[in-house]
Amino acid sequence: MKVWLNDETKQMQETVTLQQALDAWKYTGSGFAVAINHEFVPKQNYGAIKLKAGDKIDIVTPMQGG
């Protein structure tokens, strides 16, 4: 299935959780936030959420500056 990651398409398995996808994309630790289809997802839910074809995943990292 195809999903969108920060406006780029990614090919994924049919049954993959958000946590599995993040691991595959090398997003580890706690220095980022995730939204699926414009709704932020609490970190404790990453392992329970199954991605669906066409999901739009945005990963946001903090930036310094003003």
Protein backbone atom coordinates (compact mmCIF):
# COMPACT_ATOMS: atom_id res chain seq x y z
CA MET A 1 0.00 0.00 0.00
CA LYS A 2 1.07 3.60 -0.49
CA VAL A 3 1.11 6.21 2.25
CA TRP A 4 2.39 9.77 2.26
CA LEU A 5 5.28 10.75 4.52
CA ASN A 6 5.93 14.50 4.64
CA ASP A 7 4.55 14.88 1.09
CA GLU A 8 6.50 11.92 -0.38
CA THR A 9 4.93 8.57 -1.24
CA LYS A 10 6.18 5.48 0.55
CA GLN A 11 5.36 1.87 -0.24
CA MET A 12 4.45 -0.13 2.89
CA GLN A 13 3.16 -3.58 3.80
CA GLU A 14 -0.61 -3.92 4.07
CA THR A 15 -0.57 -4.49 7.83
CA VAL A 16 1.89 -2.15 9.47
CA THR A 17 1.56 -0.09 12.62
CA LEU A 18 2.70 3.49 12.91
CA GLN A 19 5.51 2.34 15.23
CA GLN A 20 6.75 -0.23 12.69
CA ALA A 21 6.71 2.40 9.96
CA LEU A 22 8.60 4.89 12.12
CA ASP A 23 11.22 2.25 12.91
CA ALA A 24 11.60 1.45 9.19
CA TRP A 25 12.01 5.16 8.42
CA LYS A 26 14.65 5.47 11.20
CA TYR A 27 12.59 7.78 13.45
CA THR A 28 13.54 6.82 17.00
CA GLY A 29 13.62 8.63 20.30
CA SER A 30 11.31 11.41 21.36
CA GLY A 31 12.48 14.44 19.37
CA PHE A 32 9.50 14.54 17.00
CA ALA A 33 5.70 14.57 16.83
CA VAL A 34 3.49 12.66 14.40
CA ALA A 35 0.18 13.54 12.79
CA ILE A 36 -1.89 11.22 10.61
CA ASN A 37 -4.36 12.92 8.31
CA HIS A 38 -3.81 16.20 10.19
CA GLU A 39 -4.50 14.72 13.67
CA PHE A 40 -1.64 14.48 16.15
CA VAL A 41 -1.07 11.03 17.60
CA PRO A 42 0.09 10.54 21.20
CA LYS A 43 3.35 8.59 21.37
CA GLN A 44 1.79 5.87 23.54
CA ASN A 45 -0.60 5.04 20.65
CA TYR A 46 2.05 4.51 17.94
CA GLY A 47 2.04 0.71 18.35
CA ALA A 48 -1.75 0.42 18.25
CA ILE A 49 -2.47 2.46 15.12
CA LYS A 50 -2.54 0.50 11.87
CA LEU A 51 -1.78 2.56 8.79
CA LYS A 52 -4.20 2.53 5.86
CA ALA A 53 -3.58 3.13 2.16
CA GLY A 54 -3.53 6.83 1.41
CA ASP A 55 -2.80 7.96 4.98
CA LYS A 56 -0.94 11.27 5.14
CA ILE A 57 1.73 11.11 7.83
CA ASP A 58 3.49 14.28 8.92
CA ILE A 59 6.54 14.09 11.16
CA VAL A 60 7.44 17.36 12.81
CA THR A 61 10.74 18.05 14.56
CA PRO A 62 11.52 21.11 16.67
CA MET A 63 13.70 23.81 15.14
CA GLN A 64 15.73 26.50 16.83
CA GLY A 65 15.32 30.07 15.85
CA GLY A 66 12.84 32.82 16.18
